[in-house]
PDB file of all heavy atoms in Angstrom:
ATOM      1  N   ILE A   1     -11.270  -2.515  -2.507  1.00  0.00           N
ATOM      2  CA  ILE A   1     -10.444  -2.966  -1.485  1.00  0.00           C
ATOM      3  C   ILE A   1      -9.220  -3.567  -2.120  1.00  0.00           C
ATOM      4  O   ILE A   1      -9.372  -4.602  -2.840  1.00  0.00           O
ATOM      5  CB  ILE A   1     -11.168  -3.887  -0.494  1.00  0.00           C
ATOM      6  CG1 ILE A   1     -12.268  -3.165   0.204  1.00  0.00           C
ATOM      7  CG2 ILE A   1     -10.108  -4.381   0.613  1.00  0.00           C
ATOM      8  CD1 ILE A   1     -13.121  -4.052   1.140  1.00  0.00           C
ATOM      9  N   SER A   2      -8.062  -3.160  -1.767  1.00  0.00           N
ATOM     10  CA  SER A   2      -6.781  -3.775  -2.316  1.00  0.00           C
ATOM     11  C   SER A   2      -6.038  -4.486  -1.162  1.00  0.00           C
ATOM     12  O   SER A   2      -5.955  -3.902  -0.066  1.00  0.00           O
ATOM     13  CB  SER A   2      -5.921  -2.690  -2.923  1.00  0.00           C
ATOM     14  OG  SER A   2      -6.531  -2.133  -4.140  1.00  0.00           O
ATOM     15  N   ILE A   3      -5.531  -5.618  -1.474  1.00  0.00           N
ATOM     16  CA  ILE A   3      -4.928  -6.477  -0.474  1.00  0.00           C
ATOM     17  C   ILE A   3      -3.581  -7.055  -0.908  1.00  0.00           C
ATOM     18  O   ILE A   3      -3.431  -7.430  -2.104  1.00  0.00           O
ATOM     19  CB  ILE A   3      -5.845  -7.651  -0.079  1.00  0.00           C
ATOM     20  CG1 ILE A   3      -7.252  -7.142   0.491  1.00  0.00           C
ATOM     21  CG2 ILE A   3      -5.197  -8.562   0.910  1.00  0.00           C
ATOM     22  CD1 ILE A   3      -8.123  -8.213   0.821  1.00  0.00           C
ATOM     23  N   ILE A   4      -2.612  -7.047   0.050  1.00  0.00           N
ATOM     24  CA  ILE A   4      -1.319  -7.756  -0.160  1.00  0.00           C
ATOM     25  C   ILE A   4      -1.409  -9.038   0.614  1.00  0.00           C
ATOM     26  O   ILE A   4      -1.528  -8.985   1.813  1.00  0.00           O
ATOM     27  CB  ILE A   4      -0.172  -6.943   0.214  1.00  0.00           C
ATOM     28  CG1 ILE A   4       0.070  -5.722  -0.697  1.00  0.00           C
ATOM     29  CG2 ILE A   4       1.130  -7.798   0.329  1.00  0.00           C
ATOM     30  CD1 ILE A   4       1.181  -4.763  -0.328  1.00  0.00           C
ATOM     31  N   GLY A   5      -1.386 -10.194  -0.025  1.00  0.00           N
ATOM     32  CA  GLY A   5      -1.578 -11.397   0.607  1.00  0.00           C
ATOM     33  C   GLY A   5      -0.347 -11.986   1.233  1.00  0.00           C
ATOM     34  O   GLY A   5       0.809 -11.368   1.196  1.00  0.00           O
ATOM     35  N   ASN A   6      -0.445 -13.016   2.099  1.00  0.00           N
ATOM     36  CA  ASN A   6       0.640 -13.690   2.803  1.00  0.00           C
ATOM     37  C   ASN A   6       1.799 -14.236   1.779  1.00  0.00           C
ATOM     38  O   ASN A   6       2.868 -14.373   2.253  1.00  0.00           O
ATOM     39  CB  ASN A   6       0.194 -14.736   3.640  1.00  0.00           C
ATOM     40  CG  ASN A   6      -0.540 -15.873   2.897  1.00  0.00           C
ATOM     41  OD1 ASN A   6      -1.775 -15.721   2.653  1.00  0.00           O
ATOM     42  ND2 ASN A   6       0.138 -16.898   2.480  1.00  0.00           N
ATOM     43  N   GLY A   7       1.482 -14.488   0.584  1.00  0.00           N
ATOM     44  CA  GLY A   7       2.448 -14.995  -0.337  1.00  0.00           C
ATOM     45  C   GLY A   7       3.415 -13.902  -0.854  1.00  0.00           C
ATOM     46  O   GLY A   7       4.387 -14.308  -1.648  1.00  0.00           O
ATOM     47  N   VAL A   8       3.139 -12.667  -0.577  1.00  0.00           N
ATOM     48  CA  VAL A   8       3.966 -11.602  -1.102  1.00  0.00           C
ATOM     49  C   VAL A   8       5.040 -11.350  -0.036  1.00  0.00           C
ATOM     50  O   VAL A   8       4.808 -11.430   1.141  1.00  0.00           O
ATOM     51  CB  VAL A   8       3.100 -10.293  -1.303  1.00  0.00           C
ATOM     52  CG1 VAL A   8       3.968  -9.133  -1.781  1.00  0.00           C
ATOM     53  CG2 VAL A   8       1.993 -10.586  -2.297  1.00  0.00           C
ATOM     54  N   VAL A   9       6.306 -10.975  -0.525  1.00  0.00           N
ATOM     55  CA  VAL A   9       7.350 -10.516   0.402  1.00  0.00           C
ATOM     56  C   VAL A   9       7.389  -8.993   0.273  1.00  0.00           C
ATOM     57  O   VAL A   9       7.394  -8.480  -0.796  1.00  0.00           O
ATOM     58  CB  VAL A   9       8.697 -11.138   0.088  1.00  0.00           C
ATOM     59  CG1 VAL A   9       8.739 -12.554   0.554  1.00  0.00           C
ATOM     60  CG2 VAL A   9       9.057 -11.105  -1.406  1.00  0.00           C
ATOM     61  N   VAL A  10       7.345  -8.331   1.454  1.00  0.00           N
ATOM     62  CA  VAL A  10       7.140  -6.943   1.593  1.00  0.00           C
ATOM     63  C   VAL A  10       8.327  -6.148   2.035  1.00  0.00           C
ATOM     64  O   VAL A  10       8.810  -6.409   3.171  1.00  0.00           O
ATOM     65  CB  VAL A  10       5.876  -6.624   2.411  1.00  0.00           C
ATOM     66  CG1 VAL A  10       5.691  -5.025   2.521  1.00  0.00           C
ATOM     67  CG2 VAL A  10       4.584  -7.261   1.879  1.00  0.00           C
ATOM     68  N   ASP A  11       8.915  -5.254   1.266  1.00  0.00           N
ATOM     69  CA  ASP A  11       9.813  -4.302   1.732  1.00  0.00           C
ATOM     70  C   ASP A  11       9.007  -3.148   2.355  1.00  0.00           C
ATOM     71  O   ASP A  11       8.499  -2.376   1.588  1.00  0.00           O
ATOM     72  CB  ASP A  11      10.709  -3.849   0.626  1.00  0.00           C
ATOM     73  CG  ASP A  11      11.789  -2.889   0.988  1.00  0.00           C
ATOM     74  OD1 ASP A  11      11.548  -1.979   1.895  1.00  0.00           O
ATOM     75  OD2 ASP A  11      12.923  -2.798   0.369  1.00  0.00           O
ATOM     76  N   PRO A  12       9.068  -3.019   3.696  1.00  0.00           N
ATOM     77  CA  PRO A  12       8.170  -1.979   4.300  1.00  0.00           C
ATOM     78  C   PRO A  12       8.519  -0.563   3.873  1.00  0.00           C
ATOM     79  O   PRO A  12       7.638   0.259   3.767  1.00  0.00           O
ATOM     80  CB  PRO A  12       8.360  -2.271   5.762  1.00  0.00           C
ATOM     81  CG  PRO A  12       9.668  -2.936   5.888  1.00  0.00           C
ATOM     82  CD  PRO A  12       9.866  -3.676   4.646  1.00  0.00           C
ATOM     83  N   TRP A  13       9.796  -0.300   3.722  1.00  0.00           N
ATOM     84  CA  TRP A  13      10.120   1.099   3.377  1.00  0.00           C
ATOM     85  C   TRP A  13       9.747   1.408   1.915  1.00  0.00           C
ATOM     86  O   TRP A  13       9.341   2.437   1.599  1.00  0.00           O
ATOM     87  CB  TRP A  13      11.732   1.258   3.543  1.00  0.00           C
ATOM     88  CG  TRP A  13      12.158   1.141   4.927  1.00  0.00           C
ATOM     89  CD1 TRP A  13      12.089   2.121   5.931  1.00  0.00           C
ATOM     90  CD2 TRP A  13      12.616  -0.049   5.668  1.00  0.00           C
ATOM     91  NE1 TRP A  13      12.563   1.655   7.109  1.00  0.00           N
ATOM     92  CE2 TRP A  13      12.942   0.327   6.996  1.00  0.00           C
ATOM     93  CE3 TRP A  13      12.894  -1.280   5.202  1.00  0.00           C
ATOM     94  CZ2 TRP A  13      13.422  -0.552   7.860  1.00  0.00           C
ATOM     95  CZ3 TRP A  13      13.447  -2.213   6.140  1.00  0.00           C
ATOM     96  CH2 TRP A  13      13.662  -1.820   7.479  1.00  0.00           C
ATOM     97  N   ALA A  14       9.929   0.390   1.016  1.00  0.00           N
ATOM     98  CA  ALA A  14       9.495   0.591  -0.350  1.00  0.00           C
ATOM     99  C   ALA A  14       8.038   0.755  -0.456  1.00  0.00           C
ATOM    100  O   ALA A  14       7.546   1.516  -1.220  1.00  0.00           O
ATOM    101  CB  ALA A  14       9.975  -0.640  -1.233  1.00  0.00           C
ATOM    102  N   LEU A  15       7.297  -0.029   0.375  1.00  0.00           N
ATOM    103  CA  LEU A  15       5.810   0.076   0.337  1.00  0.00           C
ATOM    104  C   LEU A  15       5.357   1.434   0.811  1.00  0.00           C
ATOM    105  O   LEU A  15       4.505   2.149   0.132  1.00  0.00           O
ATOM    106  CB  LEU A  15       5.198  -0.931   1.311  1.00  0.00           C
ATOM    107  CG  LEU A  15       3.664  -0.876   1.426  1.00  0.00           C
ATOM    108  CD1 LEU A  15       2.928  -0.979   0.193  1.00  0.00           C
ATOM    109  CD2 LEU A  15       3.219  -1.843   2.491  1.00  0.00           C
ATOM    110  N   LEU A  16       5.936   1.980   1.880  1.00  0.00           N
ATOM    111  CA  LEU A  16       5.497   3.345   2.351  1.00  0.00           C
ATOM    112  C   LEU A  16       5.931   4.411   1.318  1.00  0.00           C
ATOM    113  O   LEU A  16       5.142   5.368   1.146  1.00  0.00           O
ATOM    114  CB  LEU A  16       6.209   3.658   3.716  1.00  0.00           C
ATOM    115  CG  LEU A  16       5.783   2.753   4.907  1.00  0.00           C
ATOM    116  CD1 LEU A  16       6.544   3.099   6.168  1.00  0.00           C
ATOM    117  CD2 LEU A  16       4.286   2.956   5.181  1.00  0.00           C
ATOM    118  N   GLU A  17       6.991   4.223   0.672  1.00  0.00           N
ATOM    119  CA  GLU A  17       7.410   5.241  -0.296  1.00  0.00           C
ATOM    120  C   GLU A  17       6.462   5.211  -1.513  1.00  0.00           C
ATOM    121  O   GLU A  17       6.157   6.170  -2.082  1.00  0.00           O
ATOM    122  CB  GLU A  17       8.878   4.892  -0.854  1.00  0.00           C
ATOM    123  CG  GLU A  17       9.422   5.876  -1.851  1.00  0.00           C
ATOM    124  CD  GLU A  17       9.459   7.311  -1.347  1.00  0.00           C
ATOM    125  OE1 GLU A  17       9.798   7.503  -0.049  1.00  0.00           O
ATOM    126  OE2 GLU A  17       9.306   8.271  -2.131  1.00  0.00           O
ATOM    127  N   GLU A  18       6.064   3.969  -1.853  1.00  0.00           N
ATOM    128  CA  GLU A  18       5.108   3.793  -2.998  1.00  0.00           C
ATOM    129  C   GLU A  18       3.644   4.411  -2.646  1.00  0.00           C
ATOM    130  O   GLU A  18       3.051   5.094  -3.488  1.00  0.00           O
ATOM    131  CB  GLU A  18       4.911   2.336  -3.385  1.00  0.00           C
ATOM    132  CG  GLU A  18       4.074   2.103  -4.577  1.00  0.00           C
ATOM    133  CD  GLU A  18       4.094   0.678  -5.029  1.00  0.00           C
ATOM    134  OE1 GLU A  18       4.995  -0.064  -4.717  1.00  0.00           O
ATOM    135  OE2 GLU A  18       3.150   0.210  -5.732  1.00  0.00           O
ATOM    136  N   ILE A  19       3.291   4.234  -1.403  1.00  0.00           N
ATOM    137  CA  ILE A  19       2.061   4.952  -0.997  1.00  0.00           C
ATOM    138  C   ILE A  19       2.146   6.376  -0.975  1.00  0.00           C
ATOM    139  O   ILE A  19       1.216   7.063  -1.476  1.00  0.00           O
ATOM    140  CB  ILE A  19       1.726   4.430   0.512  1.00  0.00           C
ATOM    141  CG1 ILE A  19       1.332   2.892   0.507  1.00  0.00           C
ATOM    142  CG2 ILE A  19       0.572   5.266   1.073  1.00  0.00           C
ATOM    143  CD1 ILE A  19       1.117   2.265   1.803  1.00  0.00           C
ATOM    144  N   LYS A  20       3.256   6.866  -0.610  1.00  0.00           N
ATOM    145  CA  LYS A  20       3.442   8.364  -0.657  1.00  0.00           C
ATOM    146  C   LYS A  20       3.415   8.857  -2.027  1.00  0.00           C
ATOM    147  O   LYS A  20       2.829   9.862  -2.382  1.00  0.00           O
ATOM    148  CB  LYS A  20       4.837   8.675   0.031  1.00  0.00           C
ATOM    149  CG  LYS A  20       5.164  10.132   0.055  1.00  0.00           C
ATOM    150  CD  LYS A  20       6.604  10.337   0.688  1.00  0.00           C
ATOM    151  CE  LYS A  20       6.978  11.909   0.649  1.00  0.00           C
ATOM    152  NZ  LYS A  20       8.352  12.067   1.267  1.00  0.00           N
ATOM    153  N   GLU A  21       4.059   8.072  -2.954  1.00  0.00           N
ATOM    154  CA  GLU A  21       4.150   8.510  -4.339  1.00  0.00           C
ATOM    155  C   GLU A  21       2.720   8.521  -4.980  1.00  0.00           C
ATOM    156  O   GLU A  21       2.404   9.459  -5.684  1.00  0.00           O
ATOM    157  CB  GLU A  21       5.007   7.537  -5.109  1.00  0.00           C
ATOM    158  CG  GLU A  21       5.220   7.814  -6.590  1.00  0.00           C
ATOM    159  CD  GLU A  21       6.045   6.713  -7.260  1.00  0.00           C
ATOM    160  OE1 GLU A  21       6.947   6.218  -6.730  1.00  0.00           O
ATOM    161  OE2 GLU A  21       5.732   6.435  -8.480  1.00  0.00           O
ATOM    162  N   ILE A  22       1.997   7.526  -4.747  1.00  0.00           N
ATOM    163  CA  ILE A  22       0.646   7.440  -5.328  1.00  0.00           C
ATOM    164  C   ILE A  22      -0.359   8.391  -4.743  1.00  0.00           C
ATOM    165  O   ILE A  22      -1.199   8.845  -5.348  1.00  0.00           O
ATOM    166  CB  ILE A  22       0.100   5.978  -5.406  1.00  0.00           C
ATOM    167  CG1 ILE A  22      -0.989   5.839  -6.469  1.00  0.00           C
ATOM    168  CG2 ILE A  22      -0.343   5.544  -3.994  1.00  0.00           C
ATOM    169  CD1 ILE A  22      -1.278   4.414  -6.818  1.00  0.00           C
ATOM    170  N   ASN A  23      -0.143   8.739  -3.416  1.00  0.00           N
ATOM    171  CA  ASN A  23      -0.939   9.763  -2.793  1.00  0.00           C
ATOM    172  C   ASN A  23      -0.730  11.028  -3.434  1.00  0.00           C
ATOM    173  O   ASN A  23      -1.684  11.851  -3.576  1.00  0.00           O
ATOM    174  CB  ASN A  23      -0.535   9.855  -1.316  1.00  0.00           C
ATOM    175  CG  ASN A  23      -1.212   8.742  -0.459  1.00  0.00           C
ATOM    176  OD1 ASN A  23      -2.265   8.143  -0.882  1.00  0.00           O
ATOM    177  ND2 ASN A  23      -0.663   8.543   0.736  1.00  0.00           N
ATOM    178  N   SER A  24       0.502  11.372  -3.850  1.00  0.00           N
ATOM    179  CA  SER A  24       0.899  12.593  -4.491  1.00  0.00           C
ATOM    180  C   SER A  24       0.163  12.793  -5.804  1.00  0.00           C
ATOM    181  O   SER A  24       0.050  13.903  -6.305  1.00  0.00           O
ATOM    182  CB  SER A  24       2.361  12.778  -4.704  1.00  0.00           C
ATOM    183  OG  SER A  24       2.841  11.882  -5.726  1.00  0.00           O
ATOM    184  N   LYS A  25      -0.360  11.667  -6.439  1.00  0.00           N
ATOM    185  CA  LYS A  25      -1.095  11.714  -7.684  1.00  0.00           C
ATOM    186  C   LYS A  25      -2.592  11.632  -7.444  1.00  0.00           C
ATOM    187  O   LYS A  25      -3.361  11.452  -8.404  1.00  0.00           O
ATOM    188  CB  LYS A  25      -0.616  10.574  -8.623  1.00  0.00           C
ATOM    189  CG  LYS A  25       0.834  10.628  -9.057  1.00  0.00           C
ATOM    190  CD  LYS A  25       1.176   9.621 -10.102  1.00  0.00           C
ATOM    191  CE  LYS A  25       2.624   9.954 -10.535  1.00  0.00           C
ATOM    192  NZ  LYS A  25       2.965   8.993 -11.723  1.00  0.00           N
ATOM    193  N   GLY A  26      -3.006  11.900  -6.207  1.00  0.00           N
ATOM    194  CA  GLY A  26      -4.380  12.092  -5.958  1.00  0.00           C
ATOM    195  C   GLY A  26      -5.169  10.682  -5.658  1.00  0.00           C
ATOM    196  O   GLY A  26      -6.368  10.642  -5.560  1.00  0.00           O
ATOM    197  N   VAL A  27      -4.319   9.587  -5.505  1.00  0.00           N
ATOM    198  CA  VAL A  27      -4.935   8.300  -5.179  1.00  0.00           C
ATOM    199  C   VAL A  27      -4.915   8.046  -3.625  1.00  0.00           C
ATOM    200  O   VAL A  27      -3.812   8.068  -3.077  1.00  0.00           O
ATOM    201  CB  VAL A  27      -4.238   7.124  -5.928  1.00  0.00           C
ATOM    202  CG1 VAL A  27      -4.880   5.785  -5.516  1.00  0.00           C
ATOM    203  CG2 VAL A  27      -4.331   7.351  -7.439  1.00  0.00           C
ATOM    204  N   LYS A  28      -6.090   7.804  -3.087  1.00  0.00           N
ATOM    205  CA  LYS A  28      -6.186   7.648  -1.624  1.00  0.00           C
ATOM    206  C   LYS A  28      -5.719   6.174  -1.298  1.00  0.00           C
ATOM    207  O   LYS A  28      -6.150   5.216  -1.828  1.00  0.00           O
ATOM    208  CB  LYS A  28      -7.572   7.859  -1.150  1.00  0.00           C
ATOM    209  CG  LYS A  28      -7.753   7.727   0.381  1.00  0.00           C
ATOM    210  CD  LYS A  28      -9.166   7.850   0.774  1.00  0.00           C
ATOM    211  CE  LYS A  28     -10.022   6.618   0.281  1.00  0.00           C
ATOM    212  NZ  LYS A  28     -11.374   6.638   0.886  1.00  0.00           N
ATOM    213  N   VAL A  29      -4.854   5.979  -0.271  1.00  0.00           N
ATOM    214  CA  VAL A  29      -4.504   4.731   0.303  1.00  0.00           C
ATOM    215  C   VAL A  29      -4.718   4.826   1.819  1.00  0.00           C
ATOM    216  O   VAL A  29      -3.832   5.504   2.496  1.00  0.00           O
ATOM    217  CB  VAL A  29      -3.085   4.289  -0.035  1.00  0.00           C
ATOM    218  CG1 VAL A  29      -2.693   2.939   0.543  1.00  0.00           C
ATOM    219  CG2 VAL A  29      -2.861   4.289  -1.600  1.00  0.00           C
ATOM    220  N   ASP A  30      -5.587   4.189   2.358  1.00  0.00           N
ATOM    221  CA  ASP A  30      -5.833   4.271   3.844  1.00  0.00           C
ATOM    222  C   ASP A  30      -6.388   2.824   4.320  1.00  0.00           C
ATOM    223  O   ASP A  30      -6.558   2.010   3.532  1.00  0.00           O
ATOM    224  CB  ASP A  30      -6.729   5.390   4.280  1.00  0.00           C
ATOM    225  CG  ASP A  30      -8.123   5.330   3.599  1.00  0.00           C
ATOM    226  OD1 ASP A  30      -8.638   4.183   3.305  1.00  0.00           O
ATOM    227  OD2 ASP A  30      -8.737   6.421   3.437  1.00  0.00           O
ATOM    228  N   ILE A  31      -6.736   2.779   5.538  1.00  0.00           N
ATOM    229  CA  ILE A  31      -7.133   1.520   6.191  1.00  0.00           C
ATOM    230  C   ILE A  31      -8.582   1.045   5.650  1.00  0.00           C
ATOM    231  O   ILE A  31      -9.000  -0.044   5.829  1.00  0.00           O
ATOM    232  CB  ILE A  31      -7.248   1.656   7.709  1.00  0.00           C
ATOM    233  CG1 ILE A  31      -8.108   2.721   8.185  1.00  0.00           C
ATOM    234  CG2 ILE A  31      -5.847   1.796   8.247  1.00  0.00           C
ATOM    235  CD1 ILE A  31      -8.434   2.681   9.697  1.00  0.00           C
ATOM    236  N   GLU A  32      -9.165   2.011   5.004  1.00  0.00           N
ATOM    237  CA  GLU A  32     -10.571   1.682   4.401  1.00  0.00           C
ATOM    238  C   GLU A  32     -10.479   0.870   3.045  1.00  0.00           C
ATOM    239  O   GLU A  32     -11.340   0.066   2.748  1.00  0.00           O
ATOM    240  CB  GLU A  32     -11.368   2.991   4.193  1.00  0.00           C
ATOM    241  CG  GLU A  32     -11.716   3.811   5.415  1.00  0.00           C
ATOM    242  CD  GLU A  32     -12.483   2.956   6.445  1.00  0.00           C
ATOM    243  OE1 GLU A  32     -13.399   2.178   5.973  1.00  0.00           O
ATOM    244  OE2 GLU A  32     -12.230   3.012   7.638  1.00  0.00           O
ATOM    245  N   ASN A  33      -9.364   1.158   2.347  1.00  0.00           N
ATOM    246  CA  ASN A  33      -9.207   0.440   1.031  1.00  0.00           C
ATOM    247  C   ASN A  33      -7.956  -0.372   0.846  1.00  0.00           C
ATOM    248  O   ASN A  33      -7.785  -0.897  -0.251  1.00  0.00           O
ATOM    249  CB  ASN A  33      -9.350   1.543  -0.114  1.00  0.00           C
ATOM    250  CG  ASN A  33      -8.075   2.470  -0.103  1.00  0.00           C
ATOM    251  OD1 ASN A  33      -7.305   2.607   0.763  1.00  0.00           O
ATOM    252  ND2 ASN A  33      -7.975   3.087  -1.317  1.00  0.00           N
ATOM    253  N   PHE A  34      -7.200  -0.553   1.913  1.00  0.00           N
ATOM    254  CA  PHE A  34      -5.929  -1.303   1.703  1.00  0.00           C
ATOM    255  C   PHE A  34      -5.613  -2.187   2.982  1.00  0.00           C
ATOM    256  O   PHE A  34      -5.723  -1.678   4.096  1.00  0.00           O
ATOM    257  CB  PHE A  34      -4.750  -0.257   1.536  1.00  0.00           C
ATOM    258  CG  PHE A  34      -3.476  -0.976   1.320  1.00  0.00           C
ATOM    259  CD1 PHE A  34      -3.185  -1.933   0.406  1.00  0.00           C
ATOM    260  CD2 PHE A  34      -2.373  -0.573   2.220  1.00  0.00           C
ATOM    261  CE1 PHE A  34      -1.930  -2.554   0.194  1.00  0.00           C
ATOM    262  CE2 PHE A  34      -1.061  -1.132   1.935  1.00  0.00           C
ATOM    263  CZ  PHE A  34      -1.003  -2.100   1.011  1.00  0.00           C
ATOM    264  N   ILE A  35      -5.270  -3.370   2.724  1.00  0.00           N
ATOM    265  CA  ILE A  35      -5.018  -4.399   3.721  1.00  0.00           C
ATOM    266  C   ILE A  35      -3.716  -5.086   3.486  1.00  0.00           C
ATOM    267  O   ILE A  35      -3.408  -5.432   2.318  1.00  0.00           O
ATOM    268  CB  ILE A  35      -6.114  -5.375   3.888  1.00  0.00           C
ATOM    269  CG1 ILE A  35      -7.460  -4.739   4.345  1.00  0.00           C
ATOM    270  CG2 ILE A  35      -5.729  -6.489   4.970  1.00  0.00           C
ATOM    271  CD1 ILE A  35      -8.718  -5.648   4.174  1.00  0.00           C
ATOM    272  N   ILE A  36      -2.807  -5.303   4.466  1.00  0.00           N
ATOM    273  CA  ILE A  36      -1.683  -6.171   4.369  1.00  0.00           C
ATOM    274  C   ILE A  36      -1.883  -7.434   5.221  1.00  0.00           C
ATOM    275  O   ILE A  36      -2.321  -7.264   6.370  1.00  0.00           O
ATOM    276  CB  ILE A  36      -0.435  -5.498   4.809  1.00  0.00           C
ATOM    277  CG1 ILE A  36      -0.192  -4.224   4.072  1.00  0.00           C
ATOM    278  CG2 ILE A  36       0.834  -6.412   4.577  1.00  0.00           C
ATOM    279  CD1 ILE A  36       0.959  -3.295   4.583  1.00  0.00           C
ATOM    280  N   SER A  37      -1.590  -8.606   4.709  1.00  0.00           N
ATOM    281  CA  SER A  37      -1.700  -9.893   5.502  1.00  0.00           C
ATOM    282  C   SER A  37      -0.638  -9.727   6.666  1.00  0.00           C
ATOM    283  O   SER A  37       0.539  -9.390   6.453  1.00  0.00           O
ATOM    284  CB  SER A  37      -1.290 -11.008   4.708  1.00  0.00           C
ATOM    285  OG  SER A  37      -1.245 -12.164   5.542  1.00  0.00           O
TER     286      SER A  37
END
C-alpha cells in the first residue's frame, strides 16, 4: 500500500500524469494499493 500523506503538496494534474506514465510500464495504481490524504 502506497500513501501520500498530509504533509505533501500535490499537483493533481502532475499526479494523474505520473499514474498514467507508470501504468504504461505495467505498474498498477488503483484504490487497492494507493491512498491520498
